[in-house]
Every structure is written in C-alpha cells, then in structure tokens.
Amino acid sequence: MQYRQLGDSGIEVSTLGLGTMMFGRWGNPDEDSCKQIVDRSLAAGVTLFDTADIYDFGVSEEFLGRALVGRRDRVVLATKVGNAMSDDPRERGLSARWIRRSCDASLRRLRTDHLDLYQMHRPDPDTPIDETLEAFDGLVRSGKVRAVGTSTFSVAQLDEARSRADQLGVAVPRSEQPPYSMLVRKAETEVLPWCLQHDVGTLVWAPLNGGWLTGKYQSESVDDSARAAREPDHFDHRDQAMRARKRDLVDQLTQVASGAGLTLIQLALGFVISNPAVTAALIGPRTPEQLDPLLAAADVTLPADVLSAVDQIVPPGLTVNPADDG
C-alpha cells in the first residue's frame, strides 16, 4: 500500500480508501460481511475510510463505527453531510443548524469523538457559503473535526469557498471528492489542476465507473446481485446506445491491460492513482470477495506507454457519458 499527504491538511492517507456506500440495505445488509471488508482492508494497509450520513440513512456509519471499535486510532475517518436525510426540508443542506446537528449524529453512529475529515456532500445553493464555512470552522475549533472537505464541487464553487474562507479567517476546505476514472475524465480539465495548484487533496469516487471497469457489464446478461440489476435506472444501464459504446471502449481497455500483464481493475485503479493531482481512489466493494482484486491494484505503477494507450482510447478530459460527472 502506498501513502500520500492529503493536500496541506497534515493528514496522511492510503492511496486506496474504503468507501462504504454499500454497507447496509443499499448494497450489503449483512453486518458481519461488512466487518470482514473492514478487517481485510485494515490488514492490507488501508487507512482511509469514507462514508456519509445519507448511506442507508445512517446505517453505513453505524456498521463502520462498530467495525472500528478498538481500532479507531488506526484510521483516517471521513464522512459527509448535506444530502436529504428525510422528506423534511429541515433535514438536509448545509445550514449551520443542520451541520452541527448532523455532525453530532455522525459522531454517535461512528462511535468516535472526532472526525478526521468532514465533507460537504454537494453544494447547497440555498445557504450562503459564509454560513456553511463558519459552521464547519466552529466544529474544527471545538475539536470535533480535524479538516474540512468538499465533494463534487465545480472550480467556481471551490474558488468561492476558498476565497471566502480566507477572507473570513475560518477553516479552508482541504480536500475535494470528484468523480474520476478512465471513462470519466472531465475532472482533468479543471478540478484536478485546480486542486493541484492549491494543494487541495483529492479523494476520487467511482474509479471503476460504477462497475463498468471491472468488465462485468460486457454482456446484456447481468448477475442479479450486480448494481445494474439492483438499480436498473442507475447511471446509463437503461441506454442501449451508451451501453454499446462503453462495452466497445472497455474491450479496448481490457486489451491494453492484458498487454501490460494487468487485470482491467489494476489498469483502472493504477490509471487514477497515477495522476499527480489524485491523493486516493475510493473503492466500494459490496462483498469481501469483491475486495481482493481491488487491493491487488494497491502497488501498481503504470508506465508512460500504457497511459498513452489509454489516452488513445479515451482522450484526456473526455467523459463518455456526461451523466457520470455527478
């Protein structure tokens, strides 16, 4: 396992981080199975564990909190706030009231007294950014949060948050979570260069493009347990033309991987981690069996000719399906 600094936060993380969106009814309701994923990840050297309050409406945080009992000090624990937790309009967004209340709830579910990274899950156009930043700063000053981050912000939104934090003298966001993979490369045009310029860490999500870069969607016959079967309207699985285009690209990328002596998963994760602006890639296995081939990519380094071959198939800056940009 490799380790990198999360921007200028002073926090070091593993280059593969465990995302736990699949913990709970959204993916795997078997808590013992989810704990096995945590156990195996820790044994492999993973130190970054990322979740969110919205994942199965708190169940993911509860599973992760119980799995880390007695081992909390070994990990960098990150969660998020902002998405709707109920039909009540007061239980969503980035208002100061909701941020404080949500943080306390996440701390209880995660069985900890502090978060290493607390992230704005999505921008909130209904709340002034000053109010949001000052609320996060209060959490940092109280010791409940070490560092503040964002997720799926545009460069304009990142710029605004950073400049206003500087002007207000409050905690500056130290990380961003953009979608990024061999099939989703828009972040290369703006967000990733901006983060590199400002020494902001990046924890990229969907590095396997929702399972496409495992090769499991290369035929119309999909396993009942696959995400495409569980959520048939998710991403582009309902779009026949897009499915055909992605299958063709994945076939070509598989040939590149084979020629380099790699699996498609190793190529996909190695590609993401090779970008100098990327701190870590978030992997999100649903079962312990899905974890092992992901961990096998931890020490992969792609040579220049392999990266060039990927560029020939999916040009830099191109997102094959714009819906994947989050």
C-alpha atoms as a PDB file:
ATOM      1  CA  MET A   1       0.000   0.000   0.000  1.00  0.00           C
ATOM      2  CA  GLN A   2       1.200   3.492  -0.824  1.00  0.00           C
ATOM      3  CA  TYR A   3       0.508   6.596   1.290  1.00  0.00           C
ATOM      4  CA  ARG A   4       0.211  10.274   0.412  1.00  0.00           C
ATOM      5  CA  GLN A   5      -0.431  13.567   2.137  1.00  0.00           C
ATOM      6  CA  LEU A   6      -3.992  14.862   1.787  1.00  0.00           C
ATOM      7  CA  GLY A   7      -3.083  18.230   0.323  1.00  0.00           C
ATOM      8  CA  ASP A   8      -1.836  20.590   3.009  1.00  0.00           C
ATOM      9  CA  SER A   9      -4.110  19.153   5.717  1.00  0.00           C
ATOM     10  CA  GLY A  10      -1.292  17.403   7.565  1.00  0.00           C
ATOM     11  CA  ILE A  11      -3.217  14.123   7.216  1.00  0.00           C
ATOM     12  CA  GLU A  12      -1.641  11.084   5.531  1.00  0.00           C
ATOM     13  CA  VAL A  13      -3.893   8.531   3.814  1.00  0.00           C
ATOM     14  CA  SER A  14      -3.538   5.293   1.885  1.00  0.00           C
ATOM     15  CA  THR A  15      -3.855   5.672  -1.893  1.00  0.00           C
ATOM     16  CA  LEU A  16      -6.765   3.222  -1.818  1.00  0.00           C
ATOM     17  CA  GLY A  17      -9.532   4.283   0.545  1.00  0.00           C
ATOM     18  CA  LEU A  18     -12.512   2.173   1.517  1.00  0.00           C
ATOM     19  CA  GLY A  19     -15.812   3.796   0.598  1.00  0.00           C
ATOM     20  CA  THR A  20     -18.732   2.278   2.482  1.00  0.00           C
ATOM     21  CA  MET A  21     -21.798   3.297   0.475  1.00  0.00           C
ATOM     22  CA  MET A  22     -22.557  -0.416   0.059  1.00  0.00           C
ATOM     23  CA  PHE A  23     -22.746  -1.014   3.832  1.00  0.00           C
ATOM     24  CA  GLY A  24     -26.428  -1.534   4.659  1.00  0.00           C
ATOM     25  CA  ARG A  25     -29.537  -2.064   2.586  1.00  0.00           C
ATOM     26  CA  TRP A  26     -28.163  -0.122  -0.388  1.00  0.00           C
ATOM     27  CA  GLY A  27     -25.746  -2.986  -1.013  1.00  0.00           C
ATOM     28  CA  ASN A  28     -24.929  -5.440   1.763  1.00  0.00           C
ATOM     29  CA  PRO A  29     -27.211  -5.612   4.831  1.00  0.00           C
ATOM     30  CA  ASP A  30     -25.074  -8.366   6.427  1.00  0.00           C
ATOM     31  CA  GLU A  31     -23.111  -6.522   9.103  1.00  0.00           C
ATOM     32  CA  ASP A  32     -20.681  -9.402   9.696  1.00  0.00           C
ATOM     33  CA  SER A  33     -19.831  -9.423   5.984  1.00  0.00           C
ATOM     34  CA  CYS A  34     -19.231  -5.661   6.035  1.00  0.00           C
ATOM     35  CA  LYS A  35     -16.963  -6.065   9.063  1.00  0.00           C
ATOM     36  CA  GLN A  36     -14.925  -8.610   7.116  1.00  0.00           C
ATOM     37  CA  ILE A  37     -14.387  -5.959   4.437  1.00  0.00           C
ATOM     38  CA  VAL A  38     -13.112  -3.552   7.098  1.00  0.00           C
ATOM     39  CA  ASP A  39     -10.889  -6.230   8.650  1.00  0.00           C
ATOM     40  CA  ARG A  40      -9.324  -7.199   5.326  1.00  0.00           C
ATOM     41  CA  SER A  41      -8.815  -3.580   4.349  1.00  0.00           C
ATOM     42  CA  LEU A  42      -7.001  -2.805   7.594  1.00  0.00           C
ATOM     43  CA  ALA A  43      -4.840  -5.889   7.192  1.00  0.00           C
ATOM     44  CA  ALA A  44      -3.870  -4.726   3.696  1.00  0.00           C
ATOM     45  CA  GLY A  45      -2.785  -1.309   4.984  1.00  0.00           C
ATOM     46  CA  VAL A  46      -5.835   0.770   4.101  1.00  0.00           C
ATOM     47  CA  THR A  47      -6.040   3.724   6.479  1.00  0.00           C
ATOM     48  CA  LEU A  48      -8.709   5.884   4.801  1.00  0.00           C
ATOM     49  CA  PHE A  49     -12.369   5.004   5.479  1.00  0.00           C
ATOM     50  CA  ASP A  50     -15.015   7.194   3.863  1.00  0.00           C
ATOM     51  CA  THR A  51     -18.760   7.176   4.485  1.00  0.00           C
ATOM     52  CA  ALA A  52     -21.710   9.611   4.596  1.00  0.00           C
ATOM     53  CA  ASP A  53     -24.793  10.144   6.718  1.00  0.00           C
ATOM     54  CA  ILE A  54     -27.031   9.536   3.680  1.00  0.00           C
ATOM     55  CA  TYR A  55     -25.699   5.997   3.016  1.00  0.00           C
ATOM     56  CA  ASP A  56     -28.693   3.887   4.022  1.00  0.00           C
ATOM     57  CA  PHE A  57     -29.673   6.842   6.199  1.00  0.00           C
ATOM     58  CA  GLY A  58     -27.046   6.288   8.869  1.00  0.00           C
ATOM     59  CA  VAL A  59     -26.699   2.505   8.723  1.00  0.00           C
ATOM     60  CA  SER A  60     -23.367   2.657   6.882  1.00  0.00           C
ATOM     61  CA  GLU A  61     -21.936   4.881   9.609  1.00  0.00           C
ATOM     62  CA  GLU A  62     -23.286   2.536  12.285  1.00  0.00           C
ATOM     63  CA  PHE A  63     -21.761  -0.542  10.631  1.00  0.00           C
ATOM     64  CA  LEU A  64     -18.420   1.197  10.182  1.00  0.00           C
ATOM     65  CA  GLY A  65     -18.401   2.583  13.711  1.00  0.00           C
ATOM     66  CA  ARG A  66     -18.983  -0.834  15.250  1.00  0.00           C
ATOM     67  CA  ALA A  67     -16.399  -2.450  12.954  1.00  0.00           C
ATOM     68  CA  LEU A  68     -13.742   0.048  14.083  1.00  0.00           C
ATOM     69  CA  VAL A  69     -14.299  -0.324  17.830  1.00  0.00           C
ATOM     70  CA  GLY A  70     -10.858  -0.619  19.438  1.00  0.00           C
ATOM     71  CA  ARG A  71      -9.168   0.401  16.181  1.00  0.00           C
ATOM     72  CA  ARG A  72     -10.345   3.968  15.664  1.00  0.00           C
ATOM     73  CA  ASP A  73      -6.866   5.436  16.168  1.00  0.00           C
ATOM     74  CA  ARG A  74      -5.518   3.388  13.249  1.00  0.00           C
ATOM     75  CA  VAL A  75      -7.653   5.073  10.601  1.00  0.00           C
ATOM     76  CA  VAL A  76      -8.460   8.363   8.921  1.00  0.00           C
ATOM     77  CA  LEU A  77     -12.233   8.580   9.295  1.00  0.00           C
ATOM     78  CA  ALA A  78     -14.204  10.706   6.819  1.00  0.00           C
ATOM     79  CA  THR A  79     -17.915  11.322   6.435  1.00  0.00           C
ATOM     80  CA  LYS A  80     -20.199  13.805   4.703  1.00  0.00           C
ATOM     81  CA  VAL A  81     -23.248  15.983   5.282  1.00  0.00           C
ATOM     82  CA  GLY A  82     -25.772  17.722   3.052  1.00  0.00           C
ATOM     83  CA  ASN A  83     -27.964  15.208   1.245  1.00  0.00           C
ATOM     84  CA  ALA A  84     -31.581  14.828   2.338  1.00  0.00           C
ATOM     85  CA  MET A  85     -31.985  12.516   5.328  1.00  0.00           C
ATOM     86  CA  SER A  86     -35.794  12.562   5.184  1.00  0.00           C
ATOM     87  CA  ASP A  87     -38.707  14.264   3.457  1.00  0.00           C
ATOM     88  CA  ASP A  88     -38.403  17.072   5.999  1.00  0.00           C
ATOM     89  CA  PRO A  89     -36.753  20.054   4.231  1.00  0.00           C
ATOM     90  CA  ARG A  90     -35.041  20.958   7.523  1.00  0.00           C
ATOM     91  CA  GLU A  91     -33.055  17.687   7.451  1.00  0.00           C
ATOM     92  CA  ARG A  92     -30.771  18.437   4.523  1.00  0.00           C
ATOM     93  CA  GLY A  93     -28.419  21.050   3.147  1.00  0.00           C
ATOM     94  CA  LEU A  94     -25.511  22.991   4.614  1.00  0.00           C
ATOM     95  CA  SER A  95     -27.110  25.369   7.084  1.00  0.00           C
ATOM     96  CA  ALA A  96     -25.249  25.939  10.333  1.00  0.00           C
ATOM     97  CA  ARG A  97     -28.062  24.345  12.328  1.00  0.00           C
ATOM     98  CA  TRP A  98     -28.102  21.177  10.216  1.00  0.00           C
ATOM     99  CA  ILE A  99     -24.302  20.868  10.031  1.00  0.00           C
ATOM    100  CA  ARG A 100     -23.965  20.967  13.827  1.00  0.00           C
ATOM    101  CA  ARG A 101     -26.833  18.553  14.361  1.00  0.00           C
ATOM    102  CA  SER A 102     -25.615  16.159  11.654  1.00  0.00           C
ATOM    103  CA  CYS A 103     -22.057  16.148  12.938  1.00  0.00           C
ATOM    104  CA  ASP A 104     -23.183  15.112  16.412  1.00  0.00           C
ATOM    105  CA  ALA A 105     -25.364  12.367  14.921  1.00  0.00           C
ATOM    106  CA  SER A 106     -22.496  11.069  12.780  1.00  0.00           C
ATOM    107  CA  LEU A 107     -20.151  11.055  15.768  1.00  0.00           C
ATOM    108  CA  ARG A 108     -22.644   8.944  17.715  1.00  0.00           C
ATOM    109  CA  ARG A 109     -23.153   6.487  14.874  1.00  0.00           C
ATOM    110  CA  LEU A 110     -19.409   6.223  14.225  1.00  0.00           C
ATOM    111  CA  ARG A 111     -18.661   5.801  17.955  1.00  0.00           C
ATOM    112  CA  THR A 112     -15.961   8.441  17.990  1.00  0.00           C
ATOM    113  CA  ASP A 113     -15.338  11.870  19.491  1.00  0.00           C
ATOM    114  CA  HIS A 114     -13.919  13.397  16.306  1.00  0.00           C
ATOM    115  CA  LEU A 115     -13.886  13.152  12.519  1.00  0.00           C
ATOM    116  CA  ASP A 116     -10.621  13.405  10.626  1.00  0.00           C
ATOM    117  CA  LEU A 117     -12.407  14.803   7.574  1.00  0.00           C
ATOM    118  CA  TYR A 118     -15.931  16.260   7.403  1.00  0.00           C
ATOM    119  CA  GLN A 119     -17.129  16.983   3.873  1.00  0.00           C
ATOM    120  CA  MET A 120     -19.880  18.972   2.175  1.00  0.00           C
ATOM    121  CA  HIS A 121     -21.527  16.187   0.173  1.00  0.00           C
ATOM    122  CA  ARG A 122     -22.854  18.537  -2.511  1.00  0.00           C
ATOM    123  CA  PRO A 123     -23.068  22.332  -2.894  1.00  0.00           C
ATOM    124  CA  ASP A 124     -26.107  23.940  -1.273  1.00  0.00           C
ATOM    125  CA  PRO A 125     -27.359  26.882  -3.352  1.00  0.00           C
ATOM    126  CA  ASP A 126     -29.953  27.748  -0.681  1.00  0.00           C
ATOM    127  CA  THR A 127     -27.425  28.504   2.079  1.00  0.00           C
ATOM    128  CA  PRO A 128     -24.854  31.338   1.972  1.00  0.00           C
ATOM    129  CA  ILE A 129     -21.372  29.870   1.742  1.00  0.00           C
ATOM    130  CA  ASP A 130     -20.252  32.108   4.625  1.00  0.00           C
ATOM    131  CA  GLU A 131     -22.751  30.449   6.964  1.00  0.00           C
ATOM    132  CA  THR A 132     -21.587  26.988   5.898  1.00  0.00           C
ATOM    133  CA  LEU A 133     -17.890  27.786   6.288  1.00  0.00           C
ATOM    134  CA  GLU A 134     -18.340  29.388   9.694  1.00  0.00           C
ATOM    135  CA  ALA A 135     -20.304  26.350  10.913  1.00  0.00           C
ATOM    136  CA  PHE A 136     -17.544  23.979   9.803  1.00  0.00           C
ATOM    137  CA  ASP A 137     -14.947  26.243  11.390  1.00  0.00           C
ATOM    138  CA  GLY A 138     -16.814  26.009  14.693  1.00  0.00           C
ATOM    139  CA  LEU A 139     -16.548  22.221  14.530  1.00  0.00           C
ATOM    140  CA  VAL A 140     -12.814  22.447  13.864  1.00  0.00           C
ATOM    141  CA  ARG A 141     -12.293  24.846  16.764  1.00  0.00           C
ATOM    142  CA  SER A 142     -14.300  22.573  19.089  1.00  0.00           C
ATOM    143  CA  GLY A 143     -12.104  19.564  18.231  1.00  0.00           C
ATOM    144  CA  LYS A 144     -14.918  17.580  16.654  1.00  0.00           C
ATOM    145  CA  VAL A 145     -13.376  17.850  13.174  1.00  0.00           C
ATOM    146  CA  ARG A 146      -9.733  17.909  12.061  1.00  0.00           C
ATOM    147  CA  ALA A 147     -10.182  19.031   8.451  1.00  0.00           C
ATOM    148  CA  VAL A 148     -12.961  20.186   6.139  1.00  0.00           C
ATOM    149  CA  GLY A 149     -13.598  18.996   2.588  1.00  0.00           C
ATOM    150  CA  THR A 150     -15.989  19.215  -0.348  1.00  0.00           C
ATOM    151  CA  SER A 151     -17.466  16.718  -2.798  1.00  0.00           C
ATOM    152  CA  THR A 152     -18.397  17.198  -6.465  1.00  0.00           C
ATOM    153  CA  PHE A 153     -17.873  20.982  -6.438  1.00  0.00           C
ATOM    154  CA  SER A 154     -17.128  22.895  -9.629  1.00  0.00           C
ATOM    155  CA  VAL A 155     -13.982  25.009  -9.888  1.00  0.00           C
ATOM    156  CA  ALA A 156     -16.098  28.145  -9.465  1.00  0.00           C
ATOM    157  CA  GLN A 157     -17.589  26.740  -6.257  1.00  0.00           C
ATOM    158  CA  LEU A 158     -14.185  25.606  -4.996  1.00  0.00           C
ATOM    159  CA  ASP A 159     -12.764  29.057  -5.711  1.00  0.00           C
ATOM    160  CA  GLU A 160     -15.609  30.769  -3.895  1.00  0.00           C
ATOM    161  CA  ALA A 161     -15.316  28.524  -0.834  1.00  0.00           C
ATOM    162  CA  ARG A 162     -11.561  29.018  -0.623  1.00  0.00           C
ATOM    163  CA  SER A 163     -11.592  32.776  -1.118  1.00  0.00           C
ATOM    164  CA  ARG A 164     -14.421  33.341   1.356  1.00  0.00           C
ATOM    165  CA  ALA A 165     -12.753  31.099   3.960  1.00  0.00           C
ATOM    166  CA  ASP A 166      -9.554  33.150   3.603  1.00  0.00           C
ATOM    167  CA  GLN A 167     -11.462  36.416   3.923  1.00  0.00           C
ATOM    168  CA  LEU A 168     -13.420  35.207   6.945  1.00  0.00           C
ATOM    169  CA  GLY A 169     -10.356  33.705   8.620  1.00  0.00           C
ATOM    170  CA  VAL A 170     -12.014  30.311   9.005  1.00  0.00           C
ATOM    171  CA  ALA A 171     -11.002  26.746   8.171  1.00  0.00           C
ATOM    172  CA  VAL A 172     -10.278  26.339   4.459  1.00  0.00           C
ATOM    173  CA  PRO A 173     -11.520  23.169   2.707  1.00  0.00           C
ATOM    174  CA  ARG A 174      -8.516  20.874   2.361  1.00  0.00           C
ATOM    175  CA  SER A 175      -9.941  18.178   0.074  1.00  0.00           C
ATOM    176  CA  GLU A 176     -12.334  17.582  -2.810  1.00  0.00           C
ATOM    177  CA  GLN A 177     -14.106  14.420  -3.988  1.00  0.00           C
ATOM    178  CA  PRO A 178     -14.631  14.449  -7.764  1.00  0.00           C
ATOM    179  CA  PRO A 179     -15.753  11.517  -9.946  1.00  0.00           C
ATOM    180  CA  TYR A 180     -12.776  10.257 -11.971  1.00  0.00           C
ATOM    181  CA  SER A 181     -11.962   7.156 -13.987  1.00  0.00           C
ATOM    182  CA  MET A 182     -10.713   6.085 -17.414  1.00  0.00           C
ATOM    183  CA  LEU A 183     -14.256   6.667 -18.707  1.00  0.00           C
ATOM    184  CA  VAL A 184     -14.925   9.865 -16.735  1.00  0.00           C
ATOM    185  CA  ARG A 185     -12.104  12.335 -17.367  1.00  0.00           C
ATOM    186  CA  LYS A 186     -13.739  15.765 -17.262  1.00  0.00           C
ATOM    187  CA  ALA A 187     -12.074  16.458 -13.897  1.00  0.00           C
ATOM    188  CA  GLU A 188      -8.726  16.591 -15.725  1.00  0.00           C
ATOM    189  CA  THR A 189      -9.748  19.819 -17.468  1.00  0.00           C
ATOM    190  CA  GLU A 190     -10.474  21.971 -14.396  1.00  0.00           C
ATOM    191  CA  VAL A 191     -10.991  20.411 -10.970  1.00  0.00           C
ATOM    192  CA  LEU A 192      -7.848  18.279 -10.716  1.00  0.00           C
ATOM    193  CA  PRO A 193      -5.479  21.019 -11.980  1.00  0.00           C
ATOM    194  CA  TRP A 194      -7.121  23.495  -9.581  1.00  0.00           C
ATOM    195  CA  CYS A 195      -6.642  21.108  -6.653  1.00  0.00           C
ATOM    196  CA  LEU A 196      -3.009  20.500  -7.592  1.00  0.00           C
ATOM    197  CA  GLN A 197      -2.368  24.250  -7.879  1.00  0.00           C
ATOM    198  CA  HIS A 198      -3.893  24.979  -4.461  1.00  0.00           C
ATOM    199  CA  ASP A 199      -2.506  21.872  -2.707  1.00  0.00           C
ATOM    200  CA  VAL A 200      -6.001  20.521  -2.090  1.00  0.00           C
ATOM    201  CA  GLY A 201      -6.191  16.747  -1.655  1.00  0.00           C
ATOM    202  CA  THR A 202      -8.485  14.707  -3.891  1.00  0.00           C
ATOM    203  CA  LEU A 203     -10.327  11.522  -2.962  1.00  0.00           C
ATOM    204  CA  VAL A 204     -11.803  10.412  -6.262  1.00  0.00           C
ATOM    205  CA  TRP A 205     -15.028   8.429  -6.346  1.00  0.00           C
ATOM    206  CA  ALA A 206     -16.282   5.836  -8.866  1.00  0.00           C
ATOM    207  CA  PRO A 207     -12.769   4.977 -10.174  1.00  0.00           C
ATOM    208  CA  LEU A 208     -14.357   1.842 -11.695  1.00  0.00           C
ATOM    209  CA  ASN A 209     -17.257   3.831 -13.181  1.00  0.00           C
ATOM    210  CA  GLY A 210     -19.962   2.047 -11.234  1.00  0.00           C
ATOM    211  CA  GLY A 211     -18.611  -1.409 -12.138  1.00  0.00           C
ATOM    212  CA  TRP A 212     -18.031  -0.852 -15.853  1.00  0.00           C
ATOM    213  CA  LEU A 213     -14.259  -1.065 -15.397  1.00  0.00           C
ATOM    214  CA  THR A 214     -14.484  -4.490 -13.780  1.00  0.00           C
ATOM    215  CA  GLY A 215     -15.751  -5.918 -17.065  1.00  0.00           C
ATOM    216  CA  LYS A 216     -18.923  -7.316 -15.538  1.00  0.00           C
ATOM    217  CA  TYR A 217     -21.246  -5.412 -17.877  1.00  0.00           C
ATOM    218  CA  GLN A 218     -19.771  -6.704 -21.119  1.00  0.00           C
ATOM    219  CA  SER A 219     -22.935  -8.624 -21.993  1.00  0.00           C
ATOM    220  CA  GLU A 220     -26.662  -7.953 -21.705  1.00  0.00           C
ATOM    221  CA  SER A 221     -26.897 -10.778 -19.166  1.00  0.00           C
ATOM    222  CA  VAL A 222     -26.283  -9.173 -15.777  1.00  0.00           C
ATOM    223  CA  ASP A 223     -25.938 -11.041 -12.483  1.00  0.00           C
ATOM    224  CA  ASP A 224     -28.903 -10.427 -10.177  1.00  0.00           C
ATOM    225  CA  SER A 225     -26.562  -9.131  -7.466  1.00  0.00           C
ATOM    226  CA  ALA A 226     -24.930  -6.534  -9.718  1.00  0.00           C
ATOM    227  CA  ARG A 227     -25.751  -2.878  -9.250  1.00  0.00           C
ATOM    228  CA  ALA A 228     -27.236  -2.675 -12.742  1.00  0.00           C
ATOM    229  CA  ALA A 229     -29.792  -5.300 -11.703  1.00  0.00           C
ATOM    230  CA  ARG A 230     -30.448  -3.824  -8.261  1.00  0.00           C
ATOM    231  CA  GLU A 231     -30.765  -0.277  -9.619  1.00  0.00           C
ATOM    232  CA  PRO A 232     -31.751  -0.618 -13.297  1.00  0.00           C
ATOM    233  CA  ASP A 233     -32.152   3.144 -13.755  1.00  0.00           C
ATOM    234  CA  HIS A 234     -28.749   3.927 -12.268  1.00  0.00           C
ATOM    235  CA  PHE A 235     -26.120   5.563 -14.494  1.00  0.00           C
ATOM    236  CA  ASP A 236     -26.556   4.525 -18.128  1.00  0.00           C
ATOM    237  CA  HIS A 237     -27.752   0.932 -17.964  1.00  0.00           C
ATOM    238  CA  ARG A 238     -31.107   1.865 -19.481  1.00  0.00           C
ATOM    239  CA  ASP A 239     -29.460   3.484 -22.535  1.00  0.00           C
ATOM    240  CA  GLN A 240     -28.712   0.815 -25.148  1.00  0.00           C
ATOM    241  CA  ALA A 241     -26.507   3.038 -27.312  1.00  0.00           C
ATOM    242  CA  MET A 242     -24.424   4.120 -24.322  1.00  0.00           C
ATOM    243  CA  ARG A 243     -24.085   0.519 -23.159  1.00  0.00           C
ATOM    244  CA  ALA A 244     -22.791  -0.461 -26.580  1.00  0.00           C
ATOM    245  CA  ARG A 245     -20.299   2.412 -26.650  1.00  0.00           C
ATOM    246  CA  LYS A 246     -18.959   1.640 -23.191  1.00  0.00           C
ATOM    247  CA  ARG A 247     -18.638  -2.069 -23.979  1.00  0.00           C
ATOM    248  CA  ASP A 248     -16.527  -1.268 -27.012  1.00  0.00           C
ATOM    249  CA  LEU A 249     -14.269   1.044 -25.002  1.00  0.00           C
ATOM    250  CA  VAL A 250     -13.964  -1.473 -22.158  1.00  0.00           C
ATOM    251  CA  ASP A 251     -12.971  -4.180 -24.659  1.00  0.00           C
ATOM    252  CA  GLN A 252     -10.195  -1.924 -25.940  1.00  0.00           C
ATOM    253  CA  LEU A 253      -9.044  -1.046 -22.413  1.00  0.00           C
ATOM    254  CA  THR A 254      -9.045  -4.724 -21.472  1.00  0.00           C
ATOM    255  CA  GLN A 255      -6.627  -5.383 -24.332  1.00  0.00           C
ATOM    256  CA  VAL A 256      -4.329  -2.642 -23.021  1.00  0.00           C
ATOM    257  CA  ALA A 257      -4.433  -4.185 -19.556  1.00  0.00           C
ATOM    258  CA  SER A 258      -3.713  -7.665 -20.896  1.00  0.00           C
ATOM    259  CA  GLY A 259      -0.783  -6.397 -22.938  1.00  0.00           C
ATOM    260  CA  ALA A 260       0.685  -4.830 -19.788  1.00  0.00           C
ATOM    261  CA  GLY A 261       0.188  -8.007 -17.742  1.00  0.00           C
ATOM    262  CA  LEU A 262      -2.545  -6.428 -15.648  1.00  0.00           C
ATOM    263  CA  THR A 263      -6.187  -7.011 -14.882  1.00  0.00           C
ATOM    264  CA  LEU A 264      -8.683  -4.404 -16.049  1.00  0.00           C
ATOM    265  CA  ILE A 265      -9.222  -3.408 -12.399  1.00  0.00           C
ATOM    266  CA  GLN A 266      -5.487  -2.909 -11.884  1.00  0.00           C
ATOM    267  CA  LEU A 267      -5.320  -0.765 -15.005  1.00  0.00           C
ATOM    268  CA  ALA A 268      -8.325   1.312 -13.895  1.00  0.00           C
ATOM    269  CA  LEU A 269      -7.093   1.981 -10.371  1.00  0.00           C
ATOM    270  CA  GLY A 270      -3.485   2.384 -11.470  1.00  0.00           C
ATOM    271  CA  PHE A 271      -4.603   4.980 -14.012  1.00  0.00           C
ATOM    272  CA  VAL A 272      -6.408   7.061 -11.386  1.00  0.00           C
ATOM    273  CA  ILE A 273      -3.623   6.868  -8.825  1.00  0.00           C
ATOM    274  CA  SER A 274      -1.006   7.805 -11.435  1.00  0.00           C
ATOM    275  CA  ASN A 275      -2.469  11.303 -11.779  1.00  0.00           C
ATOM    276  CA  PRO A 276      -0.295  13.634  -9.647  1.00  0.00           C
ATOM    277  CA  ALA A 277      -3.392  15.557  -8.518  1.00  0.00           C
ATOM    278  CA  VAL A 278      -5.022  12.432  -7.036  1.00  0.00           C
ATOM    279  CA  THR A 279      -4.417  11.603  -3.398  1.00  0.00           C
ATOM    280  CA  ALA A 280      -6.519   8.451  -3.161  1.00  0.00           C
ATOM    281  CA  ALA A 281      -9.091   6.392  -5.028  1.00  0.00           C
ATOM    282  CA  LEU A 282     -12.194   5.308  -3.130  1.00  0.00           C
ATOM    283  CA  ILE A 283     -13.093   1.669  -3.700  1.00  0.00           C
ATOM    284  CA  GLY A 284     -16.531   0.424  -2.651  1.00  0.00           C
ATOM    285  CA  PRO A 285     -16.849  -3.378  -2.664  1.00  0.00           C
ATOM    286  CA  ARG A 286     -20.215  -4.876  -1.772  1.00  0.00           C
ATOM    287  CA  THR A 287     -18.797  -8.193  -0.543  1.00  0.00           C
ATOM    288  CA  PRO A 288     -15.469  -9.396   0.899  1.00  0.00           C
ATOM    289  CA  GLU A 289     -14.894 -11.392  -2.300  1.00  0.00           C
ATOM    290  CA  GLN A 290     -15.020  -8.208  -4.370  1.00  0.00           C
ATOM    291  CA  LEU A 291     -12.338  -6.579  -2.212  1.00  0.00           C
ATOM    292  CA  ASP A 292      -9.332  -8.782  -3.031  1.00  0.00           C
ATOM    293  CA  PRO A 293      -8.979  -7.864  -6.738  1.00  0.00           C
ATOM    294  CA  LEU A 294      -9.243  -4.193  -5.758  1.00  0.00           C
ATOM    295  CA  LEU A 295      -6.471  -4.465  -3.185  1.00  0.00           C
ATOM    296  CA  ALA A 296      -4.308  -6.170  -5.815  1.00  0.00           C
ATOM    297  CA  ALA A 297      -4.036  -2.783  -7.518  1.00  0.00           C
ATOM    298  CA  ALA A 298      -2.506  -1.063  -4.488  1.00  0.00           C
ATOM    299  CA  ASP A 299       1.087  -1.170  -5.715  1.00  0.00           C
ATOM    300  CA  VAL A 300       0.509  -0.855  -9.464  1.00  0.00           C
ATOM    301  CA  THR A 301       2.549   1.790 -11.296  1.00  0.00           C
ATOM    302  CA  LEU A 302       1.651   2.364 -14.938  1.00  0.00           C
ATOM    303  CA  PRO A 303       4.446   3.164 -17.413  1.00  0.00           C
ATOM    304  CA  ALA A 304       4.089   6.076 -19.836  1.00  0.00           C
ATOM    305  CA  ASP A 305       3.302   3.875 -22.836  1.00  0.00           C
ATOM    306  CA  VAL A 306       0.333   2.287 -21.041  1.00  0.00           C
ATOM    307  CA  LEU A 307      -1.027   5.680 -20.028  1.00  0.00           C
ATOM    308  CA  SER A 308      -0.607   6.832 -23.620  1.00  0.00           C
ATOM    309  CA  ALA A 309      -2.542   3.785 -24.843  1.00  0.00           C
ATOM    310  CA  VAL A 310      -5.420   4.697 -22.522  1.00  0.00           C
ATOM    311  CA  ASP A 311      -5.369   8.259 -23.905  1.00  0.00           C
ATOM    312  CA  GLN A 312      -5.735   6.893 -27.426  1.00  0.00           C
ATOM    313  CA  ILE A 313      -8.947   5.097 -26.414  1.00  0.00           C
ATOM    314  CA  VAL A 314     -10.495   7.759 -24.165  1.00  0.00           C
ATOM    315  CA  PRO A 315      -8.888  11.168 -24.779  1.00  0.00           C
ATOM    316  CA  PRO A 316      -7.867  13.293 -21.779  1.00  0.00           C
ATOM    317  CA  GLY A 317     -10.716  15.425 -20.468  1.00  0.00           C
ATOM    318  CA  LEU A 318     -13.460  13.316 -22.072  1.00  0.00           C
ATOM    319  CA  THR A 319     -16.354  11.900 -20.092  1.00  0.00           C
ATOM    320  CA  VAL A 320     -18.005   9.196 -22.176  1.00  0.00           C
ATOM    321  CA  ASN A 321     -21.392   9.689 -20.525  1.00  0.00           C
ATOM    322  CA  PRO A 322     -21.851  13.242 -19.165  1.00  0.00           C
ATOM    323  CA  ALA A 323     -24.335  11.860 -16.617  1.00  0.00           C
ATOM    324  CA  ASP A 324     -21.362  10.274 -14.838  1.00  0.00           C
ATOM    325  CA  ASP A 325     -19.899  13.659 -13.910  1.00  0.00           C
ATOM    326  CA  GLY A 326     -22.036  13.828 -10.800  1.00  0.00           C
END
